Amino acid sequence: MALHFELVTPARLVRSDDVYMVVVPGTEGEFGVLEGHAPFMSTVRDGALKIYRTEGAAPEEIIVQGGFAEVGANGLTVLAEHVEG
């Protein structure tokens, strides 16, 4: 089982993958999202999204600036103001 993850900016869809876990830099602190997480919304602070493709894997990091994160029935969507790279 996997978490569906999408990273979107106003200009484009940056990423759409099934992953094990994503750690998001929320404004109230970092939070991890696995499949089956309760519905949740948070603002996102500037920092690194950590994407774990499989359990125990080293994370891939993507630097984001601002935005929102939403966990729902379809997985995790991060709407970032800007993504570096």
Protein backbone atom coordinates (compact mmCIF):
# COMPACT_ATOMS: atom_id res chain seq x y z
CA MET A 1 0.00 0.00 0.00
CA ALA A 2 1.26 3.47 -0.82
CA LEU A 3 0.49 7.12 -0.26
CA HIS A 4 -0.40 9.09 -3.38
CA PHE A 5 1.60 12.34 -3.32
CA GLU A 6 1.30 15.38 -5.56
CA LEU A 7 3.43 18.53 -5.50
CA VAL A 8 1.94 21.44 -7.41
CA THR A 9 2.92 25.08 -8.01
CA PRO A 10 0.81 27.78 -9.68
CA ALA A 11 2.76 27.08 -12.89
CA ARG A 12 2.88 23.28 -13.08
CA LEU A 13 2.50 19.81 -11.63
CA VAL A 14 5.97 19.11 -10.23
CA ARG A 15 5.46 15.56 -8.98
CA SER A 16 2.79 12.87 -8.86
CA ASP A 17 3.94 9.57 -7.30
CA ASP A 18 2.96 6.76 -5.01
CA VAL A 19 5.40 6.82 -2.08
CA TYR A 20 5.81 5.37 1.41
CA MET A 21 5.89 8.62 3.40
CA VAL A 22 6.33 12.39 3.04
CA VAL A 23 7.56 14.72 5.80
CA VAL A 24 6.22 18.25 5.30
CA PRO A 25 7.68 21.45 6.83
CA GLY A 26 4.47 22.80 8.36
CA THR A 27 4.34 26.24 9.97
CA GLU A 28 3.63 24.58 13.34
CA GLY A 29 6.42 22.02 12.83
CA GLU A 30 7.27 19.12 10.56
CA PHE A 31 4.70 16.36 10.14
CA GLY A 32 4.86 12.98 8.46
CA VAL A 33 2.11 11.55 6.28
CA LEU A 34 1.60 7.84 5.61
CA GLU A 35 -1.21 6.17 3.70
CA GLY A 36 -4.44 6.22 5.72
CA HIS A 37 -3.59 9.47 7.55
CA ALA A 38 -6.62 11.34 8.90
CA PRO A 39 -7.81 14.31 6.82
CA PHE A 40 -5.69 17.34 7.66
CA MET A 41 -4.73 20.78 6.34
CA SER A 42 -1.70 22.92 7.17
CA THR A 43 0.19 25.90 5.88
CA VAL A 44 3.71 25.14 4.70
CA ARG A 45 6.83 27.09 5.69
CA ASP A 46 9.96 27.42 3.59
CA GLY A 47 11.97 24.23 3.91
CA ALA A 48 12.56 20.73 2.58
CA LEU A 49 9.88 18.18 1.76
CA LYS A 50 11.34 14.75 2.55
CA ILE A 51 10.01 12.01 0.28
CA TYR A 52 10.56 8.37 1.26
CA ARG A 53 9.88 6.11 -1.73
CA THR A 54 9.96 2.95 0.43
CA GLU A 55 10.11 2.11 4.13
CA GLY A 56 13.66 2.57 5.41
CA ALA A 57 14.86 4.36 2.27
CA ALA A 58 16.93 7.53 2.39
CA PRO A 59 14.72 10.57 1.74
CA GLU A 60 14.74 12.66 -1.40
CA GLU A 61 14.51 16.36 -0.52
CA ILE A 62 12.71 19.05 -2.50
CA ILE A 63 12.97 22.66 -1.31
CA VAL A 64 9.61 24.46 -1.21
CA GLN A 65 8.62 28.01 -0.33
CA GLY A 66 5.24 28.64 1.29
CA GLY A 67 1.91 27.16 0.41
CA PHE A 68 -0.55 24.64 1.80
CA ALA A 69 -0.69 20.89 2.39
CA GLU A 70 -3.88 18.84 2.34
CA VAL A 71 -4.30 15.22 3.34
CA GLY A 72 -7.53 13.66 2.10
CA ALA A 73 -9.02 10.47 0.73
CA ASN A 74 -6.86 10.81 -2.41
CA GLY A 75 -3.58 11.18 -0.49
CA LEU A 76 -1.34 14.21 0.12
CA THR A 77 -1.31 17.31 -2.06
CA VAL A 78 1.21 20.09 -1.42
CA LEU A 79 0.37 23.37 -3.14
CA ALA A 80 3.68 25.26 -2.97
CA GLU A 81 4.18 28.89 -3.93
CA HIS A 82 7.61 28.01 -5.36
CA VAL A 83 9.77 24.89 -5.76
CA GLU A 84 13.52 25.15 -6.22
CA GLY A 85 15.02 23.22 -9.08
